[in-house]
Amino acid sequence: MIKGNQKKSGQKRVLIAAGSLLGVGALAVAAAFTDFANLNLGNGTGGGIGGGDNTFNIMVVGTDTQGVPVPGTWQEADTAEGVDIALVGADTITPGDTISVDIPVLNDSPKLAADLSLTLGDVPGKASDTDYASQLRYTVTVDGTDVTTNATQSAVNALGLTQIAATADSNVKIAVTLLDQGSAAANNALQGKSAFVQAQFKAESSSS
């Protein structure tokens, strides 16, 4: 009988000990502190990454039905075919003459600056007379400052023009000179010939 009681007492002590360990574990969990921090990656004022005010768009001066520039109006002109713009005197230019057109360019982005460049290419679907085109020279001016003078069409290739701040515009003037050939006979040889040239403006976004 004594041995039986001792066995039961031993079992109680084991159970009590196990219960004590469980109690310590419960206290440890209850004593743990927690906290967290969440950061929204974006522009710092509620916006996300991309979208919103990082849109980028370049526009050129609007033109009427005759291709005449209309200051204060804007158009995309973002097709391969392009939009016609009138150079006064283009159809009556003779050797030694210079004609020109002012082309305002707008950076329509609310946040991004634009690095503007110009290439003089060929109008899609039309063919220039090689001899006539080789006698044309181009002077490009941005906001009153010459960027290049008396350059051939091929020389005006990805010509860096200017950086336009966000929401700002610049005036690009393109002047075209038909060279005097030095003699009446040589000048007369250019009669009836023409060139089809496209002013291709390109812009790359910049953060400054």
N, C-alpha and C. Protein backbone atom coordinates (compact mmCIF):
# COMPACT_ATOMS: atom_id res chain seq x y z
N MET A 1 0.83 -1.20 0.00
CA MET A 1 0.00 0.00 0.00
C MET A 1 0.86 1.25 0.00
N ILE A 2 1.90 1.19 0.78
CA ILE A 2 2.78 2.36 0.82
C ILE A 2 3.38 2.61 -0.54
N LYS A 3 3.78 1.54 -1.22
CA LYS A 3 4.40 1.70 -2.54
C LYS A 3 3.40 2.29 -3.55
N GLY A 4 2.13 1.86 -3.40
CA GLY A 4 1.12 2.40 -4.31
C GLY A 4 0.93 3.88 -4.13
N ASN A 5 0.86 4.36 -2.87
CA ASN A 5 0.71 5.79 -2.60
C ASN A 5 1.89 6.58 -3.10
N GLN A 6 3.08 6.01 -2.94
CA GLN A 6 4.29 6.70 -3.41
C GLN A 6 4.24 6.87 -4.93
N LYS A 7 3.71 5.87 -5.61
CA LYS A 7 3.65 5.96 -7.08
C LYS A 7 2.71 7.07 -7.52
N LYS A 8 1.53 7.14 -6.81
CA LYS A 8 0.59 8.19 -7.16
C LYS A 8 1.15 9.57 -6.86
N SER A 9 1.82 9.69 -5.75
CA SER A 9 2.43 10.98 -5.40
C SER A 9 3.47 11.38 -6.43
N GLY A 10 4.21 10.40 -6.91
CA GLY A 10 5.21 10.70 -7.95
C GLY A 10 4.57 11.17 -9.23
N GLN A 11 3.44 10.58 -9.60
CA GLN A 11 2.73 10.99 -10.80
C GLN A 11 2.22 12.43 -10.68
N LYS A 12 1.71 12.77 -9.47
CA LYS A 12 1.22 14.12 -9.23
C LYS A 12 2.33 15.14 -9.39
N ARG A 13 3.49 14.77 -8.85
CA ARG A 13 4.62 15.71 -8.96
C ARG A 13 5.01 15.94 -10.42
N VAL A 14 4.98 14.88 -11.21
CA VAL A 14 5.31 15.01 -12.65
C VAL A 14 4.28 15.90 -13.35
N LEU A 15 3.02 15.68 -13.06
CA LEU A 15 1.97 16.48 -13.67
C LEU A 15 2.06 17.95 -13.26
N ILE A 16 2.33 18.17 -11.97
CA ILE A 16 2.49 19.54 -11.47
C ILE A 16 3.67 20.22 -12.15
N ALA A 17 4.75 19.47 -12.30
CA ALA A 17 5.94 20.03 -12.96
C ALA A 17 5.65 20.39 -14.42
N ALA A 18 4.92 19.50 -15.09
CA ALA A 18 4.57 19.77 -16.49
C ALA A 18 3.68 20.99 -16.59
N GLY A 19 2.73 21.12 -15.66
CA GLY A 19 1.87 22.29 -15.64
C GLY A 19 2.64 23.55 -15.38
N SER A 20 3.64 23.50 -14.58
CA SER A 20 4.48 24.67 -14.29
C SER A 20 5.21 25.11 -15.55
N LEU A 21 5.69 24.16 -16.34
CA LEU A 21 6.39 24.50 -17.58
C LEU A 21 5.44 25.15 -18.58
N LEU A 22 4.22 24.60 -18.65
CA LEU A 22 3.23 25.21 -19.54
C LEU A 22 2.93 26.63 -19.14
N GLY A 23 2.87 26.87 -17.89
CA GLY A 23 2.62 28.21 -17.39
C GLY A 23 3.71 29.17 -17.75
N VAL A 24 4.95 28.76 -17.70
CA VAL A 24 6.08 29.60 -18.08
C VAL A 24 6.03 29.94 -19.55
N GLY A 25 5.67 28.91 -20.38
CA GLY A 25 5.55 29.16 -21.82
C GLY A 25 4.46 30.16 -22.13
N ALA A 26 3.34 30.09 -21.45
CA ALA A 26 2.24 31.02 -21.67
C ALA A 26 2.64 32.43 -21.28
N LEU A 27 3.39 32.58 -20.20
CA LEU A 27 3.87 33.89 -19.79
C LEU A 27 4.82 34.49 -20.82
N ALA A 28 5.65 33.63 -21.42
CA ALA A 28 6.62 34.10 -22.42
C ALA A 28 5.90 34.67 -23.65
N VAL A 29 4.87 34.00 -24.13
CA VAL A 29 4.10 34.47 -25.28
C VAL A 29 3.36 35.76 -24.96
N ALA A 30 2.79 35.82 -23.82
CA ALA A 30 2.02 37.00 -23.42
C ALA A 30 2.91 38.23 -23.26
N ALA A 31 4.18 38.06 -22.98
CA ALA A 31 5.08 39.17 -22.72
C ALA A 31 5.75 39.72 -23.98
N ALA A 32 5.54 39.08 -25.18
CA ALA A 32 6.19 39.53 -26.41
C ALA A 32 5.52 40.79 -26.93
N PHE A 33 6.33 41.78 -27.39
CA PHE A 33 5.81 43.01 -27.98
C PHE A 33 5.88 42.91 -29.50
N THR A 34 4.94 43.49 -30.21
CA THR A 34 4.96 43.48 -31.68
C THR A 34 4.73 44.89 -32.22
N ASP A 35 5.19 45.09 -33.44
CA ASP A 35 5.04 46.39 -34.10
C ASP A 35 5.26 46.16 -35.58
N PHE A 36 4.91 47.10 -36.44
CA PHE A 36 5.18 46.97 -37.87
C PHE A 36 5.27 48.35 -38.50
N ALA A 37 5.86 48.39 -39.70
CA ALA A 37 5.96 49.65 -40.45
C ALA A 37 5.78 49.36 -41.93
N ASN A 38 4.89 50.07 -42.62
CA ASN A 38 4.62 49.89 -44.05
C ASN A 38 4.97 51.15 -44.81
N LEU A 39 5.76 51.01 -45.86
CA LEU A 39 6.14 52.17 -46.68
C LEU A 39 5.59 52.00 -48.08
N ASN A 40 4.86 52.99 -48.56
CA ASN A 40 4.31 52.96 -49.91
C ASN A 40 5.32 53.58 -50.87
N LEU A 41 5.86 52.77 -51.75
CA LEU A 41 6.87 53.25 -52.69
C LEU A 41 6.18 54.04 -53.80
N GLY A 42 6.58 55.30 -53.95
CA GLY A 42 5.95 56.13 -54.98
C GLY A 42 6.55 57.52 -54.99
N ASN A 43 5.74 58.51 -55.31
CA ASN A 43 6.25 59.87 -55.45
C ASN A 43 6.29 60.65 -54.14
N GLY A 44 5.87 60.00 -53.06
CA GLY A 44 5.95 60.64 -51.75
C GLY A 44 4.72 61.40 -51.34
N THR A 45 3.76 61.55 -52.25
CA THR A 45 2.54 62.30 -51.91
C THR A 45 1.29 61.53 -52.32
N GLY A 46 1.33 60.23 -52.20
CA GLY A 46 0.16 59.42 -52.49
C GLY A 46 0.13 58.77 -53.85
N GLY A 47 1.05 59.15 -54.73
CA GLY A 47 1.11 58.55 -56.05
C GLY A 47 1.97 57.31 -56.08
N GLY A 48 1.76 56.48 -57.07
CA GLY A 48 2.52 55.25 -57.20
C GLY A 48 3.76 55.43 -58.04
N ILE A 49 4.30 54.33 -58.53
CA ILE A 49 5.46 54.35 -59.42
C ILE A 49 4.94 54.34 -60.85
N GLY A 50 5.31 55.34 -61.63
CA GLY A 50 4.79 55.46 -62.98
C GLY A 50 3.41 56.08 -62.99
N GLY A 51 2.85 56.28 -64.20
CA GLY A 51 1.52 56.86 -64.32
C GLY A 51 1.49 58.31 -63.87
N GLY A 52 0.30 58.84 -63.73
CA GLY A 52 0.13 60.19 -63.20
C GLY A 52 0.82 61.24 -64.04
N ASP A 53 1.70 62.02 -63.38
CA ASP A 53 2.30 63.20 -64.01
C ASP A 53 3.58 62.91 -64.79
N ASN A 54 3.91 61.65 -65.05
CA ASN A 54 5.12 61.39 -65.82
C ASN A 54 4.81 61.16 -67.29
N THR A 55 3.65 61.63 -67.75
CA THR A 55 3.31 61.51 -69.16
C THR A 55 4.27 62.36 -69.99
N PHE A 56 4.47 61.95 -71.26
CA PHE A 56 5.42 62.64 -72.12
C PHE A 56 4.81 62.81 -73.50
N ASN A 57 4.81 64.05 -73.98
CA ASN A 57 4.16 64.33 -75.26
C ASN A 57 4.74 65.60 -75.86
N ILE A 58 5.10 65.53 -77.15
CA ILE A 58 5.61 66.69 -77.88
C ILE A 58 4.60 67.06 -78.96
N MET A 59 4.32 68.35 -79.06
CA MET A 59 3.39 68.84 -80.07
C MET A 59 4.04 69.97 -80.87
N VAL A 60 3.55 70.16 -82.09
CA VAL A 60 4.04 71.26 -82.93
C VAL A 60 2.87 72.19 -83.25
N VAL A 61 3.21 73.34 -83.80
CA VAL A 61 2.19 74.35 -84.09
C VAL A 61 1.10 73.77 -84.99
N GLY A 62 -0.14 74.19 -84.70
CA GLY A 62 -1.26 73.76 -85.53
C GLY A 62 -1.23 74.46 -86.89
N THR A 63 -1.87 73.86 -87.87
CA THR A 63 -1.93 74.44 -89.21
C THR A 63 -3.37 74.46 -89.70
N ASP A 64 -3.66 75.41 -90.60
CA ASP A 64 -5.01 75.47 -91.15
C ASP A 64 -5.11 74.56 -92.38
N THR A 65 -6.22 74.64 -93.10
CA THR A 65 -6.45 73.75 -94.24
C THR A 65 -5.46 73.99 -95.39
N GLN A 66 -4.78 75.14 -95.38
CA GLN A 66 -3.79 75.45 -96.41
C GLN A 66 -2.37 75.18 -95.92
N GLY A 67 -2.25 74.60 -94.72
CA GLY A 67 -0.93 74.30 -94.17
C GLY A 67 -0.25 75.47 -93.52
N VAL A 68 -0.95 76.59 -93.37
CA VAL A 68 -0.36 77.78 -92.77
C VAL A 68 -0.36 77.63 -91.25
N PRO A 69 0.78 77.87 -90.59
CA PRO A 69 0.82 77.76 -89.13
C PRO A 69 -0.14 78.72 -88.44
N VAL A 70 -0.79 78.23 -87.40
CA VAL A 70 -1.72 79.05 -86.62
C VAL A 70 -1.15 79.17 -85.21
N PRO A 71 -0.44 80.27 -84.92
CA PRO A 71 0.18 80.44 -83.59
C PRO A 71 -0.83 80.28 -82.47
N GLY A 72 -0.39 79.62 -81.39
CA GLY A 72 -1.26 79.42 -80.24
C GLY A 72 -2.07 78.14 -80.30
N THR A 73 -2.03 77.45 -81.44
CA THR A 73 -2.71 76.15 -81.55
C THR A 73 -1.65 75.06 -81.70
N TRP A 74 -2.03 73.83 -81.35
CA TRP A 74 -1.06 72.74 -81.33
C TRP A 74 -1.65 71.49 -81.96
N GLN A 75 -0.76 70.66 -82.51
CA GLN A 75 -1.19 69.38 -83.07
C GLN A 75 -0.11 68.33 -82.83
N GLU A 76 -0.52 67.06 -82.89
CA GLU A 76 0.40 65.96 -82.64
C GLU A 76 1.35 65.73 -83.82
N ALA A 77 0.79 65.61 -85.04
CA ALA A 77 1.57 65.33 -86.25
C ALA A 77 2.45 64.09 -86.08
N ASP A 78 1.93 63.10 -85.36
CA ASP A 78 2.75 61.93 -85.02
C ASP A 78 2.44 60.71 -85.89
N THR A 79 2.42 60.95 -87.21
CA THR A 79 2.26 59.86 -88.17
C THR A 79 3.45 59.88 -89.11
N ALA A 80 3.75 58.74 -89.71
CA ALA A 80 4.86 58.67 -90.66
C ALA A 80 4.64 59.59 -91.85
N GLU A 81 3.39 59.74 -92.24
CA GLU A 81 3.08 60.60 -93.39
C GLU A 81 3.30 62.07 -93.08
N GLY A 82 3.15 62.45 -91.81
CA GLY A 82 3.35 63.84 -91.42
C GLY A 82 2.18 64.73 -91.80
N VAL A 83 2.31 65.99 -91.46
CA VAL A 83 1.30 67.01 -91.76
C VAL A 83 1.96 68.11 -92.59
N ASP A 84 1.26 68.58 -93.61
CA ASP A 84 1.82 69.63 -94.46
C ASP A 84 1.90 70.95 -93.72
N ILE A 85 3.02 71.66 -93.89
CA ILE A 85 3.18 73.00 -93.34
C ILE A 85 3.74 73.89 -94.45
N ALA A 86 3.18 75.07 -94.58
CA ALA A 86 3.49 75.93 -95.72
C ALA A 86 4.70 76.82 -95.46
N LEU A 87 5.65 76.78 -96.38
CA LEU A 87 6.74 77.76 -96.43
C LEU A 87 6.36 78.76 -97.52
N VAL A 88 6.12 80.00 -97.12
CA VAL A 88 5.71 81.01 -98.09
C VAL A 88 6.79 81.15 -99.17
N GLY A 89 6.40 80.98 -100.42
CA GLY A 89 7.34 81.09 -101.53
C GLY A 89 7.93 79.76 -101.95
N ALA A 90 7.49 78.66 -101.37
CA ALA A 90 8.06 77.36 -101.71
C ALA A 90 7.84 76.99 -103.17
N ASP A 91 6.72 77.41 -103.74
CA ASP A 91 6.41 77.04 -105.12
C ASP A 91 6.97 78.04 -106.14
N THR A 92 7.59 79.13 -105.66
CA THR A 92 8.14 80.12 -106.59
C THR A 92 9.62 80.41 -106.32
N ILE A 93 10.26 79.62 -105.46
CA ILE A 93 11.66 79.86 -105.12
C ILE A 93 12.54 79.73 -106.37
N THR A 94 13.48 80.65 -106.50
CA THR A 94 14.44 80.61 -107.61
C THR A 94 15.86 80.63 -107.03
N PRO A 95 16.86 80.25 -107.83
CA PRO A 95 18.23 80.21 -107.31
C PRO A 95 18.64 81.53 -106.66
N GLY A 96 19.18 81.42 -105.45
CA GLY A 96 19.60 82.58 -104.68
C GLY A 96 18.58 82.99 -103.64
N ASP A 97 17.35 82.44 -103.72
CA ASP A 97 16.30 82.80 -102.77
C ASP A 97 16.41 81.99 -101.47
N THR A 98 15.87 82.58 -100.41
CA THR A 98 15.74 81.88 -99.12
C THR A 98 14.32 82.03 -98.62
N ILE A 99 13.71 80.93 -98.25
CA ILE A 99 12.38 80.94 -97.67
C ILE A 99 12.46 80.29 -96.29
N SER A 100 11.50 80.58 -95.42
CA SER A 100 11.59 80.05 -94.06
C SER A 100 10.21 79.87 -93.44
N VAL A 101 10.18 79.12 -92.33
CA VAL A 101 8.95 78.94 -91.57
C VAL A 101 9.30 78.80 -90.10
N ASP A 102 8.48 79.41 -89.25
CA ASP A 102 8.64 79.28 -87.80
C ASP A 102 7.75 78.14 -87.32
N ILE A 103 8.34 77.24 -86.54
CA ILE A 103 7.62 76.07 -86.04
C ILE A 103 7.72 76.02 -84.52
N PRO A 104 6.74 76.56 -83.80
CA PRO A 104 6.74 76.42 -82.35
C PRO A 104 6.56 74.94 -81.97
N VAL A 105 7.32 74.52 -80.97
CA VAL A 105 7.26 73.13 -80.48
C VAL A 105 6.95 73.18 -78.98
N LEU A 106 5.94 72.42 -78.56
CA LEU A 106 5.49 72.43 -77.17
C LEU A 106 5.85 71.12 -76.47
N ASN A 107 6.44 71.24 -75.28
CA ASN A 107 6.62 70.08 -74.41
C ASN A 107 5.36 69.99 -73.54
N ASP A 108 4.49 69.07 -73.87
CA ASP A 108 3.20 68.96 -73.20
C ASP A 108 3.25 68.11 -71.94
N SER A 109 4.46 67.76 -71.49
CA SER A 109 4.59 66.98 -70.25
C SER A 109 4.50 67.90 -69.04
N PRO A 110 3.76 67.51 -68.00
CA PRO A 110 3.66 68.35 -66.80
C PRO A 110 4.88 68.26 -65.89
N LYS A 111 5.73 67.27 -66.07
CA LYS A 111 6.85 67.09 -65.15
C LYS A 111 8.21 66.91 -65.83
N LEU A 112 8.24 66.30 -67.02
CA LEU A 112 9.50 65.90 -67.64
C LEU A 112 9.99 66.92 -68.67
N ALA A 113 11.28 67.23 -68.61
CA ALA A 113 11.89 68.06 -69.64
C ALA A 113 12.07 67.22 -70.91
N ALA A 114 12.32 67.89 -72.04
CA ALA A 114 12.45 67.19 -73.31
C ALA A 114 13.70 67.65 -74.05
N ASP A 115 14.53 66.69 -74.44
CA ASP A 115 15.68 66.98 -75.30
C ASP A 115 15.22 66.83 -76.75
N LEU A 116 15.20 67.94 -77.48
CA LEU A 116 14.61 67.97 -78.82
C LEU A 116 15.70 67.86 -79.89
N SER A 117 15.45 67.04 -80.90
CA SER A 117 16.38 66.91 -82.03
C SER A 117 15.60 66.96 -83.33
N LEU A 118 16.33 67.17 -84.43
CA LEU A 118 15.70 67.33 -85.74
C LEU A 118 16.47 66.56 -86.80
N THR A 119 15.73 65.85 -87.63
CA THR A 119 16.28 65.19 -88.81
C THR A 119 15.48 65.67 -90.02
N LEU A 120 16.15 65.93 -91.12
CA LEU A 120 15.46 66.25 -92.37
C LEU A 120 15.45 65.00 -93.24
N GLY A 121 14.29 64.38 -93.34
CA GLY A 121 14.16 63.16 -94.14
C GLY A 121 13.38 63.43 -95.41
N ASP A 122 12.96 62.36 -96.05
CA ASP A 122 12.17 62.46 -97.26
C ASP A 122 10.70 62.20 -96.94
N VAL A 123 9.81 62.89 -97.61
CA VAL A 123 8.38 62.66 -97.42
C VAL A 123 8.05 61.27 -97.95
N PRO A 124 7.43 60.42 -97.12
CA PRO A 124 7.10 59.06 -97.56
C PRO A 124 6.23 59.05 -98.82
N GLY A 125 6.61 58.20 -99.75
CA GLY A 125 5.82 58.06 -100.97
C GLY A 125 6.12 59.07 -102.06
N LYS A 126 7.05 60.00 -101.81
CA LYS A 126 7.38 61.00 -102.82
C LYS A 126 8.89 60.99 -103.07
N ALA A 127 9.26 61.30 -104.31
CA ALA A 127 10.67 61.25 -104.70
C ALA A 127 11.18 62.64 -105.08
N SER A 128 12.27 63.06 -104.47
CA SER A 128 12.90 64.33 -104.79
C SER A 128 13.81 64.18 -106.00
N ASP A 129 13.96 65.25 -106.76
CA ASP A 129 14.97 65.28 -107.82
C ASP A 129 16.33 65.40 -107.13
N THR A 130 17.21 64.46 -107.39
CA THR A 130 18.50 64.40 -106.69
C THR A 130 19.32 65.67 -106.90
N ASP A 131 19.40 66.15 -108.13
CA ASP A 131 20.20 67.35 -108.42
C ASP A 131 19.64 68.57 -107.69
N TYR A 132 18.31 68.70 -107.72
CA TYR A 132 17.68 69.85 -107.09
C TYR A 132 17.88 69.80 -105.56
N ALA A 133 17.62 68.63 -104.96
CA ALA A 133 17.76 68.50 -103.51
C ALA A 133 19.18 68.79 -103.04
N SER A 134 20.16 68.45 -103.86
CA SER A 134 21.56 68.68 -103.48
C SER A 134 21.93 70.15 -103.47
N GLN A 135 21.10 71.01 -104.08
CA GLN A 135 21.37 72.44 -104.13
C GLN A 135 20.62 73.22 -103.05
N LEU A 136 19.94 72.52 -102.16
CA LEU A 136 19.25 73.18 -101.06
C LEU A 136 20.13 73.20 -99.82
N ARG A 137 20.09 74.33 -99.11
CA ARG A 137 20.84 74.47 -97.87
C ARG A 137 19.88 74.92 -96.77
N TYR A 138 20.15 74.44 -95.55
CA TYR A 138 19.24 74.66 -94.43
C TYR A 138 19.93 75.36 -93.27
N THR A 139 19.27 76.38 -92.76
CA THR A 139 19.71 77.06 -91.54
C THR A 139 18.62 76.86 -90.49
N VAL A 140 19.02 76.32 -89.35
CA VAL A 140 18.06 76.01 -88.28
C VAL A 140 18.36 76.91 -87.09
N THR A 141 17.34 77.61 -86.64
CA THR A 141 17.47 78.56 -85.53
C THR A 141 16.49 78.19 -84.42
N VAL A 142 16.95 78.20 -83.18
CA VAL A 142 16.07 77.92 -82.04
C VAL A 142 16.04 79.14 -81.13
N ASP A 143 14.87 79.70 -80.97
CA ASP A 143 14.68 80.88 -80.12
C ASP A 143 15.69 81.98 -80.43
N GLY A 144 15.93 82.19 -81.72
CA GLY A 144 16.80 83.28 -82.16
C GLY A 144 18.27 82.94 -82.28
N THR A 145 18.66 81.73 -81.92
CA THR A 145 20.07 81.33 -81.99
C THR A 145 20.26 80.27 -83.06
N ASP A 146 21.20 80.52 -83.98
CA ASP A 146 21.47 79.54 -85.04
C ASP A 146 22.08 78.27 -84.45
N VAL A 147 21.51 77.13 -84.83
CA VAL A 147 22.04 75.83 -84.43
C VAL A 147 22.94 75.28 -85.53
N THR A 148 22.52 75.48 -86.76
CA THR A 148 23.35 75.12 -87.92
C THR A 148 23.03 76.08 -89.05
N THR A 149 24.01 76.35 -89.91
CA THR A 149 23.80 77.28 -91.03
C THR A 149 24.28 76.67 -92.33
N ASN A 150 23.50 76.90 -93.38
CA ASN A 150 23.85 76.47 -94.73
C ASN A 150 24.27 75.00 -94.78
N ALA A 151 23.51 74.14 -94.13
CA ALA A 151 23.81 72.71 -94.07
C ALA A 151 23.03 71.96 -95.14
N THR A 152 23.58 70.88 -95.62
CA THR A 152 22.85 70.02 -96.55
C THR A 152 21.79 69.25 -95.78
N GLN A 153 20.87 68.65 -96.53
CA GLN A 153 19.80 67.87 -95.89
C GLN A 153 20.39 66.73 -95.06
N SER A 154 21.36 66.02 -95.62
CA SER A 154 21.95 64.89 -94.90
C SER A 154 22.73 65.33 -93.67
N ALA A 155 23.24 66.57 -93.69
CA ALA A 155 24.01 67.06 -92.54
C ALA A 155 23.12 67.34 -91.34
N VAL A 156 21.85 67.63 -91.62
CA VAL A 156 20.91 67.86 -90.53
C VAL A 156 20.34 66.49 -90.14
N ASN A 157 21.13 65.71 -89.45
CA ASN A 157 20.78 64.34 -89.10
C ASN A 157 20.82 64.19 -87.59
N ALA A 158 19.64 64.05 -86.98
CA ALA A 158 19.54 63.97 -85.51
C ALA A 158 20.26 65.15 -84.87
N LEU A 159 20.04 66.31 -85.44
CA LEU A 159 20.67 67.53 -84.94
C LEU A 159 20.09 67.90 -83.59
N GLY A 160 20.94 68.01 -82.58
CA GLY A 160 20.47 68.42 -81.26
C GLY A 160 20.06 69.88 -81.28
N LEU A 161 18.83 70.16 -80.88
CA LEU A 161 18.31 71.52 -80.94
C LEU A 161 18.34 72.23 -79.59
N THR A 162 17.62 71.68 -78.63
CA THR A 162 17.49 72.37 -77.34
C THR A 162 16.83 71.45 -76.34
N GLN A 163 16.84 71.85 -75.08
CA GLN A 163 16.06 71.17 -74.06
C GLN A 163 14.89 72.08 -73.70
N ILE A 164 13.69 71.53 -73.76
CA ILE A 164 12.49 72.29 -73.45
C ILE A 164 11.97 71.85 -72.09
N ALA A 165 11.82 72.79 -71.18
CA ALA A 165 11.33 72.47 -69.85
C ALA A 165 9.88 71.98 -69.92
N ALA A 166 9.46 71.27 -68.89
CA ALA A 166 8.08 70.78 -68.82
C ALA A 166 7.10 71.94 -68.97
N THR A 167 6.09 71.75 -69.79
CA THR A 167 5.00 72.69 -70.10
C THR A 167 5.46 73.91 -70.91
N ALA A 168 6.73 73.97 -71.29
CA ALA A 168 7.25 75.14 -72.02
C ALA A 168 7.27 74.86 -73.52
N ASP A 169 7.55 75.90 -74.31
CA ASP A 169 7.67 75.73 -75.75
C ASP A 169 8.87 76.50 -76.27
N SER A 170 9.35 76.10 -77.44
CA SER A 170 10.46 76.79 -78.12
C SER A 170 10.08 77.00 -79.57
N ASN A 171 10.67 78.03 -80.18
CA ASN A 171 10.41 78.30 -81.59
C ASN A 171 11.58 77.82 -82.43
N VAL A 172 11.28 76.92 -83.35
CA VAL A 172 12.30 76.41 -84.27
C VAL A 172 12.03 77.01 -85.65
N LYS A 173 13.01 77.72 -86.18
CA LYS A 173 12.88 78.32 -87.51
C LYS A 173 13.75 77.54 -88.49
N ILE A 174 13.14 77.11 -89.57
CA ILE A 174 13.89 76.41 -90.62
C ILE A 174 13.89 77.29 -91.86
N ALA A 175 15.08 77.70 -92.29
CA ALA A 175 15.23 78.51 -93.50
C ALA A 175 15.86 77.65 -94.60
N VAL A 176 15.32 77.74 -95.80
CA VAL A 176 15.78 76.94 -96.93
C VAL A 176 16.28 77.86 -98.03
N THR A 177 17.50 77.63 -98.47
CA THR A 177 18.10 78.44 -99.54
C THR A 177 18.37 77.55 -100.75
N LEU A 178 17.93 78.02 -101.92
CA LEU A 178 18.29 77.36 -103.17
C LEU A 178 19.52 78.07 -103.72
N LEU A 179 20.64 77.37 -103.80
CA LEU A 179 21.91 77.98 -104.18
C LEU A 179 21.87 78.55 -105.61
N ASP A 180 22.48 79.70 -105.75
CA ASP A 180 22.70 80.27 -107.08
C ASP A 180 23.77 79.43 -107.77
N GLN A 181 23.49 78.97 -108.98
CA GLN A 181 24.40 78.06 -109.68
C GLN A 181 25.53 78.78 -110.41
N GLY A 182 25.49 80.11 -110.40
CA GLY A 182 26.61 80.85 -110.96
C GLY A 182 26.46 81.24 -112.42
N SER A 183 25.46 80.69 -113.09
CA SER A 183 25.24 81.07 -114.49
C SER A 183 23.77 80.89 -114.81
N ALA A 184 23.31 81.61 -115.80
CA ALA A 184 21.91 81.52 -116.19
C ALA A 184 21.56 80.11 -116.66
N ALA A 185 22.47 79.51 -117.40
CA ALA A 185 22.20 78.18 -117.93
C ALA A 185 22.08 77.15 -116.81
N ALA A 186 22.97 77.24 -115.83
CA ALA A 186 22.94 76.29 -114.71
C ALA A 186 21.70 76.51 -113.84
N ASN A 187 21.34 77.79 -113.65
CA ASN A 187 20.13 78.07 -112.88
C ASN A 187 18.89 77.56 -113.61
N ASN A 188 18.84 77.76 -114.91
CA ASN A 188 17.69 77.31 -115.69
C ASN A 188 17.54 75.79 -115.68
N ALA A 189 18.64 75.10 -115.47
CA ALA A 189 18.59 73.63 -115.45
C ALA A 189 17.79 73.10 -114.27
N LEU A 190 17.54 73.95 -113.27
CA LEU A 190 16.78 73.53 -112.09
C LEU A 190 15.28 73.76 -112.26
N GLN A 191 14.88 74.36 -113.37
CA GLN A 191 13.46 74.64 -113.58
C GLN A 191 12.65 73.34 -113.62
N GLY A 192 11.46 73.40 -113.00
CA GLY A 192 10.56 72.25 -113.05
C GLY A 192 10.93 71.12 -112.11
N LYS A 193 12.01 71.28 -111.37
CA LYS A 193 12.43 70.23 -110.44
C LYS A 193 12.00 70.60 -109.02
N SER A 194 11.96 69.60 -108.16
CA SER A 194 11.52 69.86 -106.78
C SER A 194 12.08 68.84 -105.82
N ALA A 195 11.96 69.16 -104.54
CA ALA A 195 12.38 68.26 -103.48
C ALA A 195 11.25 68.15 -102.45
N PHE A 196 11.10 66.96 -101.89
CA PHE A 196 10.07 66.71 -100.88
C PHE A 196 10.77 66.36 -99.56
N VAL A 197 10.76 67.33 -98.66
CA VAL A 197 11.54 67.21 -97.43
C VAL A 197 10.61 67.22 -96.22
N GLN A 198 10.88 66.34 -95.29
CA GLN A 198 10.08 66.24 -94.06
C GLN A 198 10.93 66.61 -92.86
N ALA A 199 10.47 67.57 -92.07
CA ALA A 199 11.15 67.93 -90.82
C ALA A 199 10.67 66.98 -89.74
N GLN A 200 11.58 66.14 -89.26
CA GLN A 200 11.23 65.10 -88.29
C GLN A 200 11.76 65.48 -86.91
N PHE A 201 10.86 65.92 -86.06
CA PHE A 201 11.24 66.28 -84.70
C PHE A 201 11.14 65.05 -83.80
N LYS A 202 12.15 64.87 -82.99
CA LYS A 202 12.13 63.78 -82.01
C LYS A 202 12.47 64.36 -80.65
N ALA A 203 11.89 63.78 -79.62
CA ALA A 203 12.13 64.26 -78.27
C ALA A 203 12.39 63.09 -77.34
N GLU A 204 13.31 63.28 -76.43
CA GLU A 204 13.61 62.27 -75.41
C GLU A 204 13.42 62.90 -74.04
N SER A 205 12.73 62.19 -73.19
CA SER A 205 12.44 62.74 -71.86
C SER A 205 13.70 62.87 -71.03
N SER A 206 13.71 63.88 -70.19
CA SER A 206 14.83 64.15 -69.29
C SER A 206 14.28 64.62 -67.97
N SER A 207 14.96 64.26 -66.89
CA SER A 207 14.47 64.66 -65.55
C SER A 207 14.92 66.05 -65.18
N SER A 208 15.78 66.66 -66.01
CA SER A 208 16.26 68.01 -65.67
C SER A 208 16.15 68.94 -66.86
